[in-house]
Amino acid sequence: MALKERIADEMKAALLGGNRFAGETLRNLKAAILNEEVAQGKRESGLSDEEIEKVIAREVKKRTESAKLYRENDRSDLAEPEEQEIEVLSAYLPAQLGDDELRVVIQQKIAELGADGPQMMGHVIGAVKAAVGNTADGAVIAQLVKQELTK
């Protein structure tokens, strides 16, 4: 089953089952997917599962940043719903790579590209992102690549 169909089915099930929070979260996700389809001119054909995962990852990142800001300003009442939405949305993302697994990929790409310093950071990040897809956050990749290149 395509990811878009799974989201739609689970949204309907959540709303009919009385889980209004999950239903509304998935409804907002469907709207974000629709916006991306329109922006890319793919309204008729739809987005691929990988493109939908990118939209989901972007939505999770927005909520993570919001929750962090709320926590920093002692507004746990606003942070908790954001964190609950992250849990709902994360179920539609592939399993995330751990730092150790990611370091292995980074070291392979550094060796392949012959990167020898921070000036190659952009090339290495691009290669790693292409290799791991949506299984790692871009900020984590950048941080680990920087650590590896400045050793």
N, C-alpha and C. Protein backbone atom coordinates (compact mmCIF):
# COMPACT_ATOMS: atom_id res chain seq x y z
N MET A 1 0.85 -1.18 0.00
CA MET A 1 0.00 0.00 0.00
C MET A 1 0.89 1.24 0.00
N ALA A 2 0.55 2.19 -0.82
CA ALA A 2 1.30 3.44 -0.90
C ALA A 2 1.17 4.20 0.42
N LEU A 3 2.19 4.95 0.74
CA LEU A 3 2.23 5.68 2.00
C LEU A 3 1.08 6.68 2.10
N LYS A 4 0.77 7.34 1.01
CA LYS A 4 -0.33 8.33 1.02
C LYS A 4 -1.66 7.64 1.35
N GLU A 5 -1.89 6.47 0.79
CA GLU A 5 -3.12 5.73 1.05
C GLU A 5 -3.16 5.26 2.51
N ARG A 6 -2.02 4.82 3.01
CA ARG A 6 -1.94 4.37 4.40
C ARG A 6 -2.28 5.52 5.35
N ILE A 7 -1.76 6.70 5.07
CA ILE A 7 -2.04 7.86 5.91
C ILE A 7 -3.53 8.18 5.88
N ALA A 8 -4.12 8.16 4.69
CA ALA A 8 -5.55 8.46 4.56
C ALA A 8 -6.39 7.43 5.31
N ASP A 9 -6.06 6.15 5.15
CA ASP A 9 -6.82 5.09 5.82
C ASP A 9 -6.71 5.20 7.34
N GLU A 10 -5.50 5.45 7.82
CA GLU A 10 -5.30 5.55 9.27
C GLU A 10 -5.92 6.82 9.84
N MET A 11 -5.98 7.88 9.04
CA MET A 11 -6.67 9.10 9.48
C MET A 11 -8.16 8.81 9.67
N LYS A 12 -8.76 8.15 8.69
CA LYS A 12 -10.18 7.81 8.79
C LYS A 12 -10.44 6.91 9.99
N ALA A 13 -9.59 5.90 10.17
CA ALA A 13 -9.76 4.98 11.29
C ALA A 13 -9.63 5.71 12.63
N ALA A 14 -8.69 6.64 12.73
CA ALA A 14 -8.50 7.39 13.97
C ALA A 14 -9.71 8.26 14.26
N LEU A 15 -10.22 8.94 13.25
CA LEU A 15 -11.38 9.82 13.46
C LEU A 15 -12.63 9.01 13.80
N LEU A 16 -12.83 7.89 13.10
CA LEU A 16 -14.00 7.06 13.39
C LEU A 16 -13.86 6.34 14.73
N GLY A 17 -12.63 6.05 15.12
CA GLY A 17 -12.38 5.37 16.38
C GLY A 17 -12.37 6.29 17.58
N GLY A 18 -12.52 7.58 17.35
CA GLY A 18 -12.58 8.53 18.46
C GLY A 18 -11.23 9.13 18.86
N ASN A 19 -10.18 8.79 18.14
CA ASN A 19 -8.87 9.36 18.44
C ASN A 19 -8.73 10.64 17.63
N ARG A 20 -9.36 11.68 18.13
CA ARG A 20 -9.42 12.94 17.40
C ARG A 20 -8.04 13.56 17.19
N PHE A 21 -7.18 13.45 18.21
CA PHE A 21 -5.85 14.07 18.11
C PHE A 21 -5.05 13.48 16.94
N ALA A 22 -4.97 12.15 16.88
CA ALA A 22 -4.23 11.50 15.80
C ALA A 22 -4.88 11.79 14.45
N GLY A 23 -6.20 11.79 14.42
CA GLY A 23 -6.93 12.08 13.19
C GLY A 23 -6.64 13.47 12.66
N GLU A 24 -6.65 14.44 13.55
CA GLU A 24 -6.36 15.83 13.15
C GLU A 24 -4.91 15.99 12.72
N THR A 25 -4.00 15.31 13.42
CA THR A 25 -2.58 15.38 13.06
C THR A 25 -2.38 14.83 11.65
N LEU A 26 -3.01 13.70 11.35
CA LEU A 26 -2.89 13.10 10.02
C LEU A 26 -3.60 13.93 8.97
N ARG A 27 -4.68 14.59 9.33
CA ARG A 27 -5.37 15.48 8.39
C ARG A 27 -4.44 16.64 8.02
N ASN A 28 -3.74 17.19 9.02
CA ASN A 28 -2.78 18.26 8.74
C ASN A 28 -1.64 17.77 7.86
N LEU A 29 -1.22 16.53 8.07
CA LEU A 29 -0.16 15.94 7.24
C LEU A 29 -0.64 15.80 5.80
N LYS A 30 -1.88 15.35 5.63
CA LYS A 30 -2.45 15.22 4.28
C LYS A 30 -2.46 16.58 3.58
N ALA A 31 -2.77 17.63 4.33
CA ALA A 31 -2.79 18.99 3.76
C ALA A 31 -1.37 19.40 3.35
N ALA A 32 -0.38 19.07 4.17
CA ALA A 32 1.00 19.40 3.83
C ALA A 32 1.44 18.65 2.57
N ILE A 33 1.02 17.39 2.45
CA ILE A 33 1.35 16.59 1.26
C ILE A 33 0.69 17.21 0.02
N LEU A 34 -0.57 17.62 0.16
CA LEU A 34 -1.28 18.25 -0.95
C LEU A 34 -0.57 19.55 -1.36
N ASN A 35 -0.17 20.35 -0.39
CA ASN A 35 0.54 21.59 -0.70
C ASN A 35 1.82 21.31 -1.47
N GLU A 36 2.55 20.27 -1.09
CA GLU A 36 3.80 19.91 -1.77
C GLU A 36 3.50 19.42 -3.19
N GLU A 37 2.43 18.66 -3.35
CA GLU A 37 2.05 18.19 -4.69
C GLU A 37 1.75 19.37 -5.61
N VAL A 38 1.02 20.34 -5.09
CA VAL A 38 0.68 21.53 -5.88
C VAL A 38 1.94 22.32 -6.19
N ALA A 39 2.81 22.49 -5.20
CA ALA A 39 4.04 23.26 -5.39
C ALA A 39 4.94 22.62 -6.44
N GLN A 40 4.97 21.30 -6.50
CA GLN A 40 5.82 20.60 -7.46
C GLN A 40 5.11 20.31 -8.78
N GLY A 41 3.83 20.70 -8.88
CA GLY A 41 3.07 20.44 -10.11
C GLY A 41 2.76 18.98 -10.31
N LYS A 42 2.63 18.23 -9.21
CA LYS A 42 2.36 16.80 -9.29
C LYS A 42 0.98 16.45 -8.70
N ARG A 43 0.04 17.36 -8.83
CA ARG A 43 -1.28 17.14 -8.24
C ARG A 43 -1.96 15.91 -8.81
N GLU A 44 -1.82 15.69 -10.11
CA GLU A 44 -2.47 14.54 -10.75
C GLU A 44 -1.74 13.23 -10.47
N SER A 45 -0.42 13.25 -10.60
CA SER A 45 0.35 12.01 -10.44
C SER A 45 0.64 11.69 -8.98
N GLY A 46 0.72 12.71 -8.13
CA GLY A 46 1.01 12.50 -6.72
C GLY A 46 2.51 12.36 -6.47
N LEU A 47 2.87 12.42 -5.22
CA LEU A 47 4.26 12.31 -4.81
C LEU A 47 4.63 10.85 -4.59
N SER A 48 5.90 10.54 -4.76
CA SER A 48 6.38 9.18 -4.47
C SER A 48 6.47 9.03 -2.94
N ASP A 49 6.62 7.80 -2.49
CA ASP A 49 6.74 7.56 -1.06
C ASP A 49 7.95 8.29 -0.47
N GLU A 50 9.05 8.34 -1.21
CA GLU A 50 10.24 9.04 -0.72
C GLU A 50 9.98 10.53 -0.56
N GLU A 51 9.27 11.11 -1.51
CA GLU A 51 8.94 12.54 -1.42
C GLU A 51 8.00 12.80 -0.25
N ILE A 52 7.06 11.89 -0.02
CA ILE A 52 6.15 12.03 1.12
C ILE A 52 6.93 11.92 2.42
N GLU A 53 7.91 11.01 2.47
CA GLU A 53 8.74 10.89 3.68
C GLU A 53 9.49 12.19 3.95
N LYS A 54 9.93 12.87 2.89
CA LYS A 54 10.60 14.16 3.07
C LYS A 54 9.65 15.19 3.66
N VAL A 55 8.40 15.18 3.20
CA VAL A 55 7.39 16.10 3.75
C VAL A 55 7.17 15.78 5.23
N ILE A 56 7.05 14.50 5.55
CA ILE A 56 6.83 14.09 6.95
C ILE A 56 8.03 14.51 7.79
N ALA A 57 9.24 14.28 7.30
CA ALA A 57 10.44 14.66 8.04
C ALA A 57 10.47 16.17 8.29
N ARG A 58 10.05 16.94 7.30
CA ARG A 58 10.00 18.41 7.45
C ARG A 58 8.98 18.80 8.52
N GLU A 59 7.83 18.13 8.52
CA GLU A 59 6.80 18.42 9.52
C GLU A 59 7.28 18.05 10.92
N VAL A 60 7.98 16.92 11.04
CA VAL A 60 8.52 16.50 12.34
C VAL A 60 9.55 17.53 12.81
N LYS A 61 10.38 17.99 11.90
CA LYS A 61 11.41 18.97 12.26
C LYS A 61 10.78 20.27 12.76
N LYS A 62 9.72 20.72 12.09
CA LYS A 62 9.01 21.94 12.53
C LYS A 62 8.52 21.78 13.97
N ARG A 63 7.91 20.63 14.23
CA ARG A 63 7.34 20.40 15.56
C ARG A 63 8.44 20.24 16.61
N THR A 64 9.56 19.63 16.23
CA THR A 64 10.68 19.48 17.16
C THR A 64 11.23 20.84 17.55
N GLU A 65 11.39 21.71 16.57
CA GLU A 65 11.89 23.06 16.85
C GLU A 65 10.91 23.84 17.72
N SER A 66 9.62 23.71 17.42
CA SER A 66 8.60 24.40 18.22
C SER A 66 8.61 23.90 19.66
N ALA A 67 8.63 22.59 19.82
CA ALA A 67 8.63 22.00 21.16
C ALA A 67 9.86 22.46 21.95
N LYS A 68 11.00 22.52 21.27
CA LYS A 68 12.24 22.95 21.93
C LYS A 68 12.10 24.39 22.42
N LEU A 69 11.56 25.25 21.57
CA LEU A 69 11.38 26.65 21.97
C LEU A 69 10.39 26.78 23.12
N TYR A 70 9.32 26.01 23.05
CA TYR A 70 8.34 26.04 24.15
C TYR A 70 8.98 25.59 25.46
N ARG A 71 9.77 24.51 25.40
CA ARG A 71 10.43 24.00 26.61
C ARG A 71 11.41 25.04 27.17
N GLU A 72 12.16 25.70 26.29
CA GLU A 72 13.12 26.71 26.73
C GLU A 72 12.44 27.88 27.43
N ASN A 73 11.18 28.12 27.06
CA ASN A 73 10.44 29.24 27.65
C ASN A 73 9.42 28.77 28.69
N ASP A 74 9.66 27.58 29.26
CA ASP A 74 8.81 27.03 30.32
C ASP A 74 7.34 26.98 29.93
N ARG A 75 7.06 26.55 28.71
CA ARG A 75 5.68 26.40 28.26
C ARG A 75 5.42 24.94 27.90
N SER A 76 5.50 24.07 28.90
CA SER A 76 5.31 22.64 28.66
C SER A 76 3.88 22.35 28.19
N ASP A 77 2.93 23.22 28.53
CA ASP A 77 1.55 23.04 28.08
C ASP A 77 1.46 23.14 26.55
N LEU A 78 2.35 23.91 25.93
CA LEU A 78 2.37 24.02 24.48
C LEU A 78 3.32 23.00 23.84
N ALA A 79 4.34 22.60 24.57
CA ALA A 79 5.33 21.66 24.04
C ALA A 79 4.77 20.25 23.94
N GLU A 80 3.95 19.85 24.91
CA GLU A 80 3.45 18.47 24.93
C GLU A 80 2.63 18.09 23.71
N PRO A 81 1.69 18.93 23.24
CA PRO A 81 0.97 18.56 22.01
C PRO A 81 1.90 18.43 20.80
N GLU A 82 2.91 19.29 20.72
CA GLU A 82 3.88 19.20 19.62
C GLU A 82 4.61 17.86 19.68
N GLU A 83 5.00 17.45 20.87
CA GLU A 83 5.72 16.18 21.05
C GLU A 83 4.82 14.99 20.73
N GLN A 84 3.54 15.10 21.07
CA GLN A 84 2.60 14.02 20.74
C GLN A 84 2.42 13.92 19.22
N GLU A 85 2.40 15.06 18.54
CA GLU A 85 2.29 15.05 17.08
C GLU A 85 3.53 14.41 16.47
N ILE A 86 4.70 14.67 17.05
CA ILE A 86 5.94 14.07 16.56
C ILE A 86 5.83 12.55 16.62
N GLU A 87 5.28 12.02 17.72
CA GLU A 87 5.12 10.57 17.87
C GLU A 87 4.21 10.01 16.78
N VAL A 88 3.10 10.70 16.50
CA VAL A 88 2.15 10.24 15.48
C VAL A 88 2.83 10.24 14.11
N LEU A 89 3.52 11.33 13.78
CA LEU A 89 4.13 11.47 12.46
C LEU A 89 5.34 10.54 12.28
N SER A 90 6.09 10.31 13.33
CA SER A 90 7.30 9.49 13.24
C SER A 90 6.99 8.05 12.84
N ALA A 91 5.78 7.61 13.08
CA ALA A 91 5.39 6.25 12.71
C ALA A 91 5.43 6.05 11.20
N TYR A 92 5.42 7.13 10.43
CA TYR A 92 5.41 7.05 8.97
C TYR A 92 6.78 7.27 8.35
N LEU A 93 7.79 7.42 9.19
CA LEU A 93 9.15 7.59 8.72
C LEU A 93 9.91 6.27 8.84
N PRO A 94 10.90 6.05 7.99
CA PRO A 94 11.72 4.84 8.14
C PRO A 94 12.52 4.92 9.43
N ALA A 95 12.96 3.78 9.93
CA ALA A 95 13.76 3.75 11.16
C ALA A 95 15.00 4.61 10.95
N GLN A 96 15.32 5.41 11.95
CA GLN A 96 16.46 6.32 11.86
C GLN A 96 17.75 5.59 12.21
N LEU A 97 18.81 5.93 11.48
CA LEU A 97 20.12 5.35 11.74
C LEU A 97 20.69 5.91 13.04
N GLY A 98 21.40 5.08 13.76
CA GLY A 98 22.09 5.55 14.96
C GLY A 98 23.35 6.30 14.56
N ASP A 99 23.95 7.02 15.50
CA ASP A 99 25.16 7.79 15.21
C ASP A 99 26.29 6.90 14.73
N ASP A 100 26.43 5.72 15.34
CA ASP A 100 27.52 4.83 14.95
C ASP A 100 27.36 4.35 13.51
N GLU A 101 26.13 3.97 13.14
CA GLU A 101 25.88 3.51 11.77
C GLU A 101 26.12 4.65 10.78
N LEU A 102 25.70 5.85 11.18
CA LEU A 102 25.87 7.02 10.33
C LEU A 102 27.35 7.36 10.15
N ARG A 103 28.12 7.23 11.22
CA ARG A 103 29.57 7.51 11.12
C ARG A 103 30.24 6.58 10.11
N VAL A 104 29.81 5.31 10.07
CA VAL A 104 30.38 4.37 9.11
C VAL A 104 30.13 4.86 7.68
N VAL A 105 28.90 5.27 7.40
CA VAL A 105 28.56 5.77 6.07
C VAL A 105 29.37 7.03 5.76
N ILE A 106 29.48 7.93 6.74
CA ILE A 106 30.24 9.17 6.55
C ILE A 106 31.70 8.87 6.24
N GLN A 107 32.30 7.96 6.99
CA GLN A 107 33.70 7.61 6.75
C GLN A 107 33.90 6.99 5.37
N GLN A 108 32.93 6.19 4.92
CA GLN A 108 33.01 5.60 3.58
C GLN A 108 32.98 6.70 2.52
N LYS A 109 32.07 7.65 2.69
CA LYS A 109 31.93 8.73 1.70
C LYS A 109 33.15 9.64 1.71
N ILE A 110 33.73 9.89 2.88
CA ILE A 110 34.94 10.70 2.96
C ILE A 110 36.06 10.01 2.19
N ALA A 111 36.19 8.69 2.36
CA ALA A 111 37.22 7.93 1.67
C ALA A 111 36.97 7.93 0.15
N GLU A 112 35.70 7.74 -0.25
CA GLU A 112 35.36 7.72 -1.68
C GLU A 112 35.67 9.05 -2.35
N LEU A 113 35.34 10.14 -1.65
CA LEU A 113 35.53 11.47 -2.24
C LEU A 113 36.94 11.99 -2.05
N GLY A 114 37.71 11.35 -1.20
CA GLY A 114 39.05 11.83 -0.92
C GLY A 114 39.04 13.15 -0.17
N ALA A 115 38.02 13.35 0.64
CA ALA A 115 37.88 14.60 1.40
C ALA A 115 38.96 14.65 2.47
N ASP A 116 39.62 15.80 2.56
CA ASP A 116 40.72 15.92 3.51
C ASP A 116 40.60 17.13 4.42
N GLY A 117 39.47 17.80 4.40
CA GLY A 117 39.31 18.94 5.29
C GLY A 117 37.91 19.53 5.22
N PRO A 118 37.66 20.51 6.06
CA PRO A 118 36.32 21.11 6.14
C PRO A 118 35.82 21.74 4.83
N GLN A 119 36.73 22.07 3.92
CA GLN A 119 36.31 22.68 2.66
C GLN A 119 35.49 21.70 1.80
N MET A 120 35.58 20.42 2.10
CA MET A 120 34.83 19.39 1.36
C MET A 120 33.52 19.01 2.06
N MET A 121 33.19 19.71 3.11
CA MET A 121 32.03 19.35 3.93
C MET A 121 30.74 19.25 3.12
N GLY A 122 30.47 20.22 2.26
CA GLY A 122 29.25 20.22 1.46
C GLY A 122 29.14 19.00 0.56
N HIS A 123 30.25 18.63 -0.06
CA HIS A 123 30.25 17.46 -0.94
C HIS A 123 29.97 16.19 -0.16
N VAL A 124 30.59 16.07 1.01
CA VAL A 124 30.41 14.87 1.82
C VAL A 124 28.98 14.78 2.32
N ILE A 125 28.43 15.90 2.81
CA ILE A 125 27.05 15.91 3.30
C ILE A 125 26.09 15.49 2.18
N GLY A 126 26.28 16.03 0.99
CA GLY A 126 25.42 15.68 -0.15
C GLY A 126 25.49 14.20 -0.46
N ALA A 127 26.69 13.64 -0.45
CA ALA A 127 26.87 12.22 -0.76
C ALA A 127 26.22 11.35 0.32
N VAL A 128 26.38 11.74 1.58
CA VAL A 128 25.79 10.97 2.69
C VAL A 128 24.28 11.03 2.62
N LYS A 129 23.72 12.22 2.37
CA LYS A 129 22.26 12.35 2.27
C LYS A 129 21.71 11.49 1.13
N ALA A 130 22.43 11.45 0.03
CA ALA A 130 21.99 10.62 -1.10
C ALA A 130 22.03 9.14 -0.73
N ALA A 131 23.02 8.76 0.06
CA ALA A 131 23.17 7.35 0.45
C ALA A 131 22.14 6.90 1.48
N VAL A 132 21.85 7.74 2.47
CA VAL A 132 20.99 7.30 3.57
C VAL A 132 19.54 7.73 3.40
N GLY A 133 19.24 8.64 2.48
CA GLY A 133 17.87 9.07 2.25
C GLY A 133 17.25 9.71 3.48
N ASN A 134 16.05 9.25 3.83
CA ASN A 134 15.32 9.83 4.96
C ASN A 134 15.56 9.09 6.27
N THR A 135 16.62 8.31 6.33
CA THR A 135 16.88 7.56 7.56
C THR A 135 17.77 8.31 8.54
N ALA A 136 18.10 9.56 8.21
CA ALA A 136 18.90 10.37 9.14
C ALA A 136 18.56 11.84 8.93
N ASP A 137 18.59 12.60 10.00
CA ASP A 137 18.30 14.03 9.97
C ASP A 137 19.49 14.78 9.39
N GLY A 138 19.22 15.75 8.56
CA GLY A 138 20.29 16.53 7.92
C GLY A 138 21.19 17.24 8.90
N ALA A 139 20.63 17.75 9.99
CA ALA A 139 21.44 18.46 10.99
C ALA A 139 22.41 17.50 11.67
N VAL A 140 21.96 16.29 11.94
CA VAL A 140 22.83 15.28 12.57
C VAL A 140 23.94 14.89 11.60
N ILE A 141 23.58 14.72 10.33
CA ILE A 141 24.59 14.39 9.32
C ILE A 141 25.65 15.48 9.27
N ALA A 142 25.21 16.74 9.21
CA ALA A 142 26.16 17.86 9.12
C ALA A 142 27.08 17.90 10.34
N GLN A 143 26.51 17.69 11.51
CA GLN A 143 27.31 17.72 12.73
C GLN A 143 28.37 16.62 12.72
N LEU A 144 27.97 15.41 12.36
CA LEU A 144 28.90 14.29 12.35
C LEU A 144 29.97 14.43 11.26
N VAL A 145 29.57 14.96 10.09
CA VAL A 145 30.54 15.18 9.02
C VAL A 145 31.58 16.20 9.46
N LYS A 146 31.12 17.25 10.11
CA LYS A 146 32.05 18.27 10.60
C LYS A 146 33.04 17.67 11.60
N GLN A 147 32.54 16.84 12.50
CA GLN A 147 33.42 16.19 13.48
C GLN A 147 34.46 15.32 12.78
N GLU A 148 34.02 14.55 11.78
CA GLU A 148 34.93 13.65 11.09
C GLU A 148 35.99 14.41 10.29
N LEU A 149 35.59 15.51 9.67
CA LEU A 149 36.52 16.26 8.81
C LEU A 149 37.49 17.14 9.60
N THR A 150 37.18 17.41 10.86
CA THR A 150 38.06 18.27 11.64
C THR A 150 38.92 17.47 12.63
N LYS A 151 38.92 16.16 12.47
CA LYS A 151 39.75 15.31 13.35
C LYS A 151 41.22 15.56 13.09
